[in-house]
Amino acid sequence: MITYRQPIALDIPVLVGYEKELFPYSPWNSAQFKEEFAGIPRTRFMSVAESDNRIVGYCGVFLPAPGVEADILTVAVLPEFRRQGIAREFMRQIEQWSEEGGASAMMLEVEHTNAAAIELYQALGYMQISVRMNYYGPGSDALVMRKEFT
């Protein structure tokens, strides 16, 4: 059974380890996680998914102020736990927190080869608005996707 909770400082070493595995081109370090945690709940929302007391995914979003767009910082799920609805639940949490905080829209970047994530985002109403060349390293572009709140 998957459960969700807000991350705590003791989770940082685990999250840093996952970053190196899941995002080897630009992993967050401990200082970056501490900086993001410092913004909870004022300008940031983060969540971790657990299975049998093991973190199996995490997400984060940044909303600098009401009336502007929220920037999805990360949505990460360990490979063996994908296709179980974890990323969809993270997106639900992120969008709910952002809407309650007054966000006008959501924005994210996704690696152009990540078909499963792109499919999920499109199903949730995100539309591609541009491409960031080499965003994830040489030859690895990011699709920039946006969802307007009505």
N, C-alpha and C. Protein backbone atom coordinates (compact mmCIF):
# COMPACT_ATOMS: atom_id res chain seq x y z
N MET A 1 0.83 -1.18 0.00
CA MET A 1 0.00 0.00 0.00
C MET A 1 0.88 1.25 0.00
N ILE A 2 0.52 2.19 -0.85
CA ILE A 2 1.28 3.43 -0.97
C ILE A 2 0.63 4.48 -0.06
N THR A 3 1.46 5.14 0.74
CA THR A 3 1.00 6.25 1.58
C THR A 3 1.81 7.49 1.22
N TYR A 4 1.28 8.65 1.59
CA TYR A 4 1.90 9.92 1.25
C TYR A 4 2.06 10.77 2.50
N ARG A 5 3.15 11.53 2.55
CA ARG A 5 3.39 12.43 3.67
C ARG A 5 4.33 13.53 3.22
N GLN A 6 4.43 14.56 4.06
CA GLN A 6 5.39 15.63 3.83
C GLN A 6 6.77 15.12 4.18
N PRO A 7 7.78 15.44 3.40
CA PRO A 7 9.14 15.00 3.73
C PRO A 7 9.69 15.72 4.96
N ILE A 8 10.66 15.10 5.60
CA ILE A 8 11.35 15.68 6.74
C ILE A 8 12.85 15.68 6.47
N ALA A 9 13.59 16.40 7.28
CA ALA A 9 15.04 16.53 7.08
C ALA A 9 15.74 15.17 7.04
N LEU A 10 15.26 14.22 7.82
CA LEU A 10 15.89 12.89 7.84
C LEU A 10 15.76 12.16 6.50
N ASP A 11 14.85 12.61 5.64
CA ASP A 11 14.67 11.99 4.32
C ASP A 11 15.72 12.46 3.31
N ILE A 12 16.40 13.54 3.59
CA ILE A 12 17.29 14.15 2.60
C ILE A 12 18.34 13.18 2.07
N PRO A 13 19.06 12.41 2.88
CA PRO A 13 20.05 11.49 2.30
C PRO A 13 19.44 10.49 1.31
N VAL A 14 18.26 10.00 1.61
CA VAL A 14 17.59 9.07 0.70
C VAL A 14 17.23 9.77 -0.60
N LEU A 15 16.67 10.98 -0.50
CA LEU A 15 16.28 11.73 -1.68
C LEU A 15 17.49 12.09 -2.55
N VAL A 16 18.58 12.46 -1.92
CA VAL A 16 19.81 12.78 -2.67
C VAL A 16 20.30 11.54 -3.41
N GLY A 17 20.24 10.38 -2.77
CA GLY A 17 20.62 9.13 -3.44
C GLY A 17 19.75 8.84 -4.64
N TYR A 18 18.44 9.03 -4.49
CA TYR A 18 17.52 8.82 -5.61
C TYR A 18 17.78 9.80 -6.74
N GLU A 19 18.10 11.04 -6.39
CA GLU A 19 18.39 12.05 -7.41
C GLU A 19 19.54 11.59 -8.31
N LYS A 20 20.58 11.05 -7.70
CA LYS A 20 21.74 10.59 -8.48
C LYS A 20 21.36 9.47 -9.43
N GLU A 21 20.43 8.63 -9.00
CA GLU A 21 19.97 7.51 -9.82
C GLU A 21 19.00 7.96 -10.90
N LEU A 22 18.04 8.79 -10.53
CA LEU A 22 16.96 9.15 -11.44
C LEU A 22 17.28 10.34 -12.34
N PHE A 23 18.12 11.25 -11.87
CA PHE A 23 18.46 12.46 -12.62
C PHE A 23 19.98 12.67 -12.65
N PRO A 24 20.72 11.72 -13.22
CA PRO A 24 22.18 11.80 -13.15
C PRO A 24 22.79 13.02 -13.83
N TYR A 25 22.06 13.66 -14.75
CA TYR A 25 22.56 14.82 -15.48
C TYR A 25 22.58 16.07 -14.61
N SER A 26 21.69 16.15 -13.60
CA SER A 26 21.66 17.35 -12.75
C SER A 26 20.96 17.05 -11.42
N PRO A 27 21.51 16.15 -10.62
CA PRO A 27 20.84 15.80 -9.36
C PRO A 27 20.90 16.94 -8.34
N TRP A 28 19.82 17.06 -7.58
CA TRP A 28 19.83 17.99 -6.46
C TRP A 28 20.76 17.44 -5.39
N ASN A 29 21.42 18.34 -4.65
CA ASN A 29 22.27 17.94 -3.53
C ASN A 29 21.53 18.25 -2.22
N SER A 30 22.16 17.93 -1.11
CA SER A 30 21.53 18.15 0.20
C SER A 30 21.15 19.61 0.42
N ALA A 31 22.01 20.51 0.02
CA ALA A 31 21.72 21.94 0.22
C ALA A 31 20.49 22.36 -0.57
N GLN A 32 20.32 21.84 -1.76
CA GLN A 32 19.15 22.19 -2.56
C GLN A 32 17.87 21.67 -1.91
N PHE A 33 17.91 20.45 -1.41
CA PHE A 33 16.73 19.92 -0.72
C PHE A 33 16.43 20.75 0.53
N LYS A 34 17.46 21.11 1.28
CA LYS A 34 17.24 21.92 2.49
C LYS A 34 16.60 23.26 2.12
N GLU A 35 17.06 23.85 1.03
CA GLU A 35 16.50 25.12 0.58
C GLU A 35 15.02 24.96 0.21
N GLU A 36 14.70 23.90 -0.49
CA GLU A 36 13.30 23.65 -0.87
C GLU A 36 12.45 23.40 0.38
N PHE A 37 12.95 22.59 1.30
CA PHE A 37 12.21 22.30 2.53
C PHE A 37 11.93 23.57 3.33
N ALA A 38 12.86 24.52 3.28
CA ALA A 38 12.70 25.76 4.04
C ALA A 38 11.49 26.57 3.57
N GLY A 39 11.07 26.35 2.33
CA GLY A 39 9.93 27.09 1.80
C GLY A 39 8.58 26.45 2.09
N ILE A 40 8.58 25.26 2.71
CA ILE A 40 7.33 24.56 3.04
C ILE A 40 6.74 25.19 4.29
N PRO A 41 5.49 25.52 4.34
CA PRO A 41 4.45 25.46 3.32
C PRO A 41 4.20 26.79 2.62
N ARG A 42 5.01 27.81 2.91
CA ARG A 42 4.75 29.16 2.42
C ARG A 42 4.79 29.25 0.89
N THR A 43 5.90 28.84 0.29
CA THR A 43 6.04 28.97 -1.16
C THR A 43 6.28 27.63 -1.87
N ARG A 44 6.38 26.56 -1.07
CA ARG A 44 6.66 25.25 -1.66
C ARG A 44 5.79 24.17 -1.03
N PHE A 45 5.50 23.18 -1.83
CA PHE A 45 4.82 21.97 -1.36
C PHE A 45 5.65 20.79 -1.84
N MET A 46 5.88 19.85 -0.93
CA MET A 46 6.58 18.63 -1.30
C MET A 46 5.86 17.45 -0.65
N SER A 47 5.98 16.30 -1.29
CA SER A 47 5.35 15.08 -0.79
C SER A 47 6.25 13.90 -1.13
N VAL A 48 6.23 12.90 -0.27
CA VAL A 48 6.91 11.64 -0.57
C VAL A 48 5.88 10.52 -0.53
N ALA A 49 6.12 9.52 -1.36
CA ALA A 49 5.30 8.31 -1.37
C ALA A 49 6.11 7.21 -0.71
N GLU A 50 5.45 6.43 0.12
CA GLU A 50 6.13 5.33 0.80
C GLU A 50 5.40 4.01 0.56
N SER A 51 6.17 2.96 0.51
CA SER A 51 5.66 1.59 0.47
C SER A 51 6.47 0.81 1.48
N ASP A 52 5.81 0.22 2.46
CA ASP A 52 6.50 -0.53 3.53
C ASP A 52 7.61 0.30 4.18
N ASN A 53 7.30 1.56 4.50
CA ASN A 53 8.22 2.49 5.16
C ASN A 53 9.45 2.82 4.32
N ARG A 54 9.39 2.61 3.04
CA ARG A 54 10.48 2.96 2.11
C ARG A 54 9.97 4.03 1.17
N ILE A 55 10.73 5.12 1.03
CA ILE A 55 10.36 6.16 0.08
C ILE A 55 10.50 5.59 -1.33
N VAL A 56 9.44 5.73 -2.12
CA VAL A 56 9.46 5.20 -3.48
C VAL A 56 9.21 6.30 -4.53
N GLY A 57 8.99 7.53 -4.05
CA GLY A 57 8.81 8.64 -4.96
C GLY A 57 8.68 9.94 -4.19
N TYR A 58 8.82 11.05 -4.91
CA TYR A 58 8.71 12.36 -4.28
C TYR A 58 8.38 13.40 -5.34
N CYS A 59 7.82 14.50 -4.87
CA CYS A 59 7.47 15.57 -5.79
C CYS A 59 7.63 16.91 -5.07
N GLY A 60 7.68 17.97 -5.87
CA GLY A 60 7.75 19.30 -5.30
C GLY A 60 7.28 20.34 -6.30
N VAL A 61 6.74 21.43 -5.76
CA VAL A 61 6.26 22.54 -6.58
C VAL A 61 6.58 23.85 -5.86
N PHE A 62 6.79 24.89 -6.65
CA PHE A 62 7.12 26.22 -6.14
C PHE A 62 6.07 27.21 -6.64
N LEU A 63 5.48 27.95 -5.72
CA LEU A 63 4.53 29.02 -6.06
C LEU A 63 5.00 30.27 -5.33
N PRO A 64 5.66 31.20 -6.05
CA PRO A 64 6.23 32.37 -5.39
C PRO A 64 5.20 33.32 -4.78
N ALA A 65 4.00 33.39 -5.39
CA ALA A 65 2.98 34.31 -4.90
C ALA A 65 1.64 33.98 -5.56
N PRO A 66 0.55 34.36 -4.93
CA PRO A 66 -0.76 34.17 -5.57
C PRO A 66 -0.83 34.96 -6.88
N GLY A 67 -1.57 34.41 -7.84
CA GLY A 67 -1.76 35.11 -9.10
C GLY A 67 -0.72 34.84 -10.17
N VAL A 68 0.30 34.06 -9.84
CA VAL A 68 1.32 33.71 -10.83
C VAL A 68 1.31 32.20 -11.05
N GLU A 69 2.10 31.74 -12.01
CA GLU A 69 2.11 30.31 -12.27
C GLU A 69 3.00 29.57 -11.27
N ALA A 70 2.59 28.34 -10.97
CA ALA A 70 3.38 27.46 -10.12
C ALA A 70 4.33 26.67 -11.01
N ASP A 71 5.52 26.42 -10.51
CA ASP A 71 6.54 25.68 -11.25
C ASP A 71 6.74 24.32 -10.58
N ILE A 72 6.40 23.28 -11.30
CA ILE A 72 6.61 21.93 -10.77
C ILE A 72 8.12 21.67 -10.80
N LEU A 73 8.70 21.46 -9.64
CA LEU A 73 10.14 21.28 -9.50
C LEU A 73 10.58 19.87 -9.84
N THR A 74 9.80 18.89 -9.37
CA THR A 74 10.17 17.50 -9.60
C THR A 74 8.99 16.58 -9.35
N VAL A 75 8.93 15.53 -10.13
CA VAL A 75 8.03 14.40 -9.90
C VAL A 75 8.89 13.18 -10.20
N ALA A 76 9.18 12.40 -9.19
CA ALA A 76 10.09 11.27 -9.35
C ALA A 76 9.50 10.03 -8.69
N VAL A 77 9.53 8.92 -9.42
CA VAL A 77 9.05 7.65 -8.90
C VAL A 77 10.08 6.58 -9.28
N LEU A 78 10.46 5.75 -8.32
CA LEU A 78 11.41 4.68 -8.61
C LEU A 78 10.86 3.78 -9.71
N PRO A 79 11.72 3.31 -10.61
CA PRO A 79 11.25 2.53 -11.76
C PRO A 79 10.33 1.36 -11.40
N GLU A 80 10.64 0.64 -10.36
CA GLU A 80 9.83 -0.54 -10.00
C GLU A 80 8.46 -0.19 -9.42
N PHE A 81 8.22 1.10 -9.17
CA PHE A 81 6.93 1.54 -8.63
C PHE A 81 6.13 2.39 -9.63
N ARG A 82 6.61 2.49 -10.85
CA ARG A 82 5.90 3.27 -11.86
C ARG A 82 4.67 2.52 -12.34
N ARG A 83 3.77 3.26 -12.93
CA ARG A 83 2.51 2.72 -13.48
C ARG A 83 1.58 2.20 -12.38
N GLN A 84 1.70 2.79 -11.19
CA GLN A 84 0.82 2.42 -10.07
C GLN A 84 0.00 3.61 -9.58
N GLY A 85 0.02 4.70 -10.33
CA GLY A 85 -0.76 5.87 -9.98
C GLY A 85 -0.08 6.86 -9.05
N ILE A 86 1.18 6.62 -8.71
CA ILE A 86 1.89 7.50 -7.78
C ILE A 86 2.09 8.89 -8.39
N ALA A 87 2.58 8.96 -9.62
CA ALA A 87 2.81 10.27 -10.26
C ALA A 87 1.48 11.01 -10.44
N ARG A 88 0.42 10.29 -10.78
CA ARG A 88 -0.89 10.92 -10.93
C ARG A 88 -1.34 11.52 -9.58
N GLU A 89 -1.13 10.79 -8.49
CA GLU A 89 -1.49 11.31 -7.16
C GLU A 89 -0.62 12.51 -6.79
N PHE A 90 0.67 12.45 -7.12
CA PHE A 90 1.53 13.61 -6.88
C PHE A 90 1.00 14.83 -7.63
N MET A 91 0.62 14.64 -8.87
CA MET A 91 0.09 15.76 -9.66
C MET A 91 -1.19 16.29 -9.04
N ARG A 92 -2.05 15.43 -8.55
CA ARG A 92 -3.28 15.87 -7.90
C ARG A 92 -2.95 16.73 -6.69
N GLN A 93 -2.00 16.27 -5.87
CA GLN A 93 -1.59 17.02 -4.67
C GLN A 93 -0.99 18.36 -5.06
N ILE A 94 -0.09 18.36 -6.02
CA ILE A 94 0.58 19.58 -6.47
C ILE A 94 -0.44 20.60 -6.99
N GLU A 95 -1.33 20.13 -7.84
CA GLU A 95 -2.31 21.05 -8.41
C GLU A 95 -3.26 21.59 -7.35
N GLN A 96 -3.69 20.73 -6.45
CA GLN A 96 -4.60 21.19 -5.38
C GLN A 96 -3.94 22.25 -4.52
N TRP A 97 -2.71 22.00 -4.08
CA TRP A 97 -1.99 22.96 -3.24
C TRP A 97 -1.79 24.28 -4.01
N SER A 98 -1.43 24.17 -5.28
CA SER A 98 -1.18 25.37 -6.09
C SER A 98 -2.45 26.18 -6.31
N GLU A 99 -3.54 25.49 -6.63
CA GLU A 99 -4.81 26.20 -6.82
C GLU A 99 -5.26 26.88 -5.54
N GLU A 100 -5.13 26.18 -4.41
CA GLU A 100 -5.51 26.76 -3.12
C GLU A 100 -4.64 27.96 -2.79
N GLY A 101 -3.40 27.97 -3.29
CA GLY A 101 -2.48 29.08 -3.07
C GLY A 101 -2.66 30.22 -4.05
N GLY A 102 -3.59 30.07 -4.99
CA GLY A 102 -3.88 31.14 -5.93
C GLY A 102 -3.10 31.11 -7.23
N ALA A 103 -2.51 29.98 -7.58
CA ALA A 103 -1.76 29.90 -8.84
C ALA A 103 -2.70 30.13 -10.02
N SER A 104 -2.19 30.80 -11.03
CA SER A 104 -2.96 31.05 -12.25
C SER A 104 -2.79 29.91 -13.26
N ALA A 105 -1.68 29.18 -13.12
CA ALA A 105 -1.35 28.11 -14.06
C ALA A 105 -0.26 27.24 -13.45
N MET A 106 0.01 26.14 -14.11
CA MET A 106 1.09 25.23 -13.72
C MET A 106 2.07 25.13 -14.89
N MET A 107 3.34 25.01 -14.60
CA MET A 107 4.34 24.83 -15.64
C MET A 107 5.30 23.73 -15.23
N LEU A 108 5.82 22.98 -16.21
CA LEU A 108 6.79 21.94 -15.92
C LEU A 108 7.67 21.71 -17.13
N GLU A 109 8.79 21.07 -16.89
CA GLU A 109 9.67 20.59 -17.95
C GLU A 109 9.70 19.07 -17.84
N VAL A 110 9.73 18.41 -18.99
CA VAL A 110 9.80 16.95 -19.02
C VAL A 110 10.74 16.55 -20.16
N GLU A 111 11.57 15.55 -19.89
CA GLU A 111 12.50 15.09 -20.92
C GLU A 111 11.72 14.61 -22.14
N HIS A 112 12.15 15.03 -23.31
CA HIS A 112 11.39 14.77 -24.53
C HIS A 112 11.22 13.28 -24.83
N THR A 113 12.03 12.42 -24.25
CA THR A 113 11.93 10.98 -24.48
C THR A 113 11.08 10.27 -23.43
N ASN A 114 10.60 10.98 -22.43
CA ASN A 114 9.82 10.37 -21.34
C ASN A 114 8.35 10.28 -21.75
N ALA A 115 8.06 9.32 -22.61
CA ALA A 115 6.72 9.19 -23.19
C ALA A 115 5.64 8.98 -22.14
N ALA A 116 5.92 8.19 -21.11
CA ALA A 116 4.92 7.91 -20.09
C ALA A 116 4.53 9.19 -19.34
N ALA A 117 5.53 10.00 -18.98
CA ALA A 117 5.24 11.25 -18.26
C ALA A 117 4.50 12.23 -19.17
N ILE A 118 4.93 12.34 -20.42
CA ILE A 118 4.27 13.25 -21.36
C ILE A 118 2.81 12.84 -21.53
N GLU A 119 2.56 11.56 -21.66
CA GLU A 119 1.19 11.06 -21.80
C GLU A 119 0.35 11.41 -20.57
N LEU A 120 0.92 11.25 -19.38
CA LEU A 120 0.21 11.60 -18.15
C LEU A 120 -0.11 13.10 -18.14
N TYR A 121 0.88 13.92 -18.41
CA TYR A 121 0.67 15.36 -18.36
C TYR A 121 -0.38 15.80 -19.38
N GLN A 122 -0.33 15.24 -20.57
CA GLN A 122 -1.34 15.58 -21.58
C GLN A 122 -2.73 15.16 -21.11
N ALA A 123 -2.84 13.98 -20.50
CA ALA A 123 -4.14 13.50 -20.00
C ALA A 123 -4.68 14.43 -18.91
N LEU A 124 -3.77 15.10 -18.19
CA LEU A 124 -4.17 16.02 -17.12
C LEU A 124 -4.42 17.44 -17.63
N GLY A 125 -4.29 17.65 -18.93
CA GLY A 125 -4.60 18.95 -19.50
C GLY A 125 -3.41 19.86 -19.78
N TYR A 126 -2.19 19.34 -19.68
CA TYR A 126 -1.00 20.15 -19.97
C TYR A 126 -0.76 20.16 -21.47
N MET A 127 -0.34 21.31 -21.97
CA MET A 127 -0.03 21.46 -23.38
C MET A 127 1.41 21.92 -23.54
N GLN A 128 2.08 21.39 -24.56
CA GLN A 128 3.45 21.81 -24.84
C GLN A 128 3.44 23.24 -25.35
N ILE A 129 4.30 24.08 -24.74
CA ILE A 129 4.37 25.47 -25.19
C ILE A 129 5.73 25.82 -25.79
N SER A 130 6.77 25.03 -25.48
CA SER A 130 8.08 25.28 -26.08
C SER A 130 9.01 24.09 -25.82
N VAL A 131 10.23 24.23 -26.30
CA VAL A 131 11.27 23.22 -26.10
C VAL A 131 12.51 23.93 -25.58
N ARG A 132 13.14 23.34 -24.58
CA ARG A 132 14.42 23.86 -24.08
C ARG A 132 15.50 22.89 -24.52
N MET A 133 16.29 23.33 -25.47
CA MET A 133 17.33 22.48 -26.05
C MET A 133 18.40 22.15 -25.01
N ASN A 134 18.80 20.88 -24.99
CA ASN A 134 19.89 20.40 -24.13
C ASN A 134 19.65 20.66 -22.64
N TYR A 135 18.41 20.82 -22.24
CA TYR A 135 18.07 21.13 -20.84
C TYR A 135 18.55 20.03 -19.89
N TYR A 136 18.46 18.79 -20.34
CA TYR A 136 18.86 17.65 -19.51
C TYR A 136 20.22 17.11 -19.90
N GLY A 137 21.01 17.91 -20.60
CA GLY A 137 22.33 17.49 -21.04
C GLY A 137 22.38 17.50 -22.57
N PRO A 138 23.56 17.30 -23.14
CA PRO A 138 23.71 17.34 -24.59
C PRO A 138 22.76 16.36 -25.29
N GLY A 139 21.95 16.88 -26.21
CA GLY A 139 21.04 16.05 -26.98
C GLY A 139 19.78 15.63 -26.25
N SER A 140 19.59 16.11 -25.04
CA SER A 140 18.42 15.73 -24.25
C SER A 140 17.59 16.97 -23.94
N ASP A 141 16.61 17.20 -24.78
CA ASP A 141 15.79 18.40 -24.68
C ASP A 141 14.64 18.24 -23.69
N ALA A 142 14.13 19.36 -23.23
CA ALA A 142 12.96 19.36 -22.35
C ALA A 142 11.79 19.97 -23.10
N LEU A 143 10.64 19.32 -22.98
CA LEU A 143 9.41 19.93 -23.43
C LEU A 143 8.90 20.79 -22.27
N VAL A 144 8.53 22.00 -22.54
CA VAL A 144 7.93 22.87 -21.53
C VAL A 144 6.43 22.75 -21.72
N MET A 145 5.75 22.38 -20.64
CA MET A 145 4.32 22.17 -20.70
C MET A 145 3.62 23.07 -19.67
N ARG A 146 2.40 23.47 -20.01
CA ARG A 146 1.67 24.41 -19.16
C ARG A 146 0.20 24.01 -19.10
N LYS A 147 -0.39 24.27 -17.96
CA LYS A 147 -1.83 24.05 -17.75
C LYS A 147 -2.40 25.30 -17.11
N GLU A 148 -3.40 25.88 -17.74
CA GLU A 148 -4.07 27.08 -17.20
C GLU A 148 -5.15 26.64 -16.22
N PHE A 149 -5.30 27.40 -15.15
CA PHE A 149 -6.43 27.20 -14.25
C PHE A 149 -7.53 28.16 -14.68
N THR A 150 -8.76 27.71 -14.63
CA THR A 150 -9.86 28.58 -15.07
C THR A 150 -10.56 29.19 -13.88
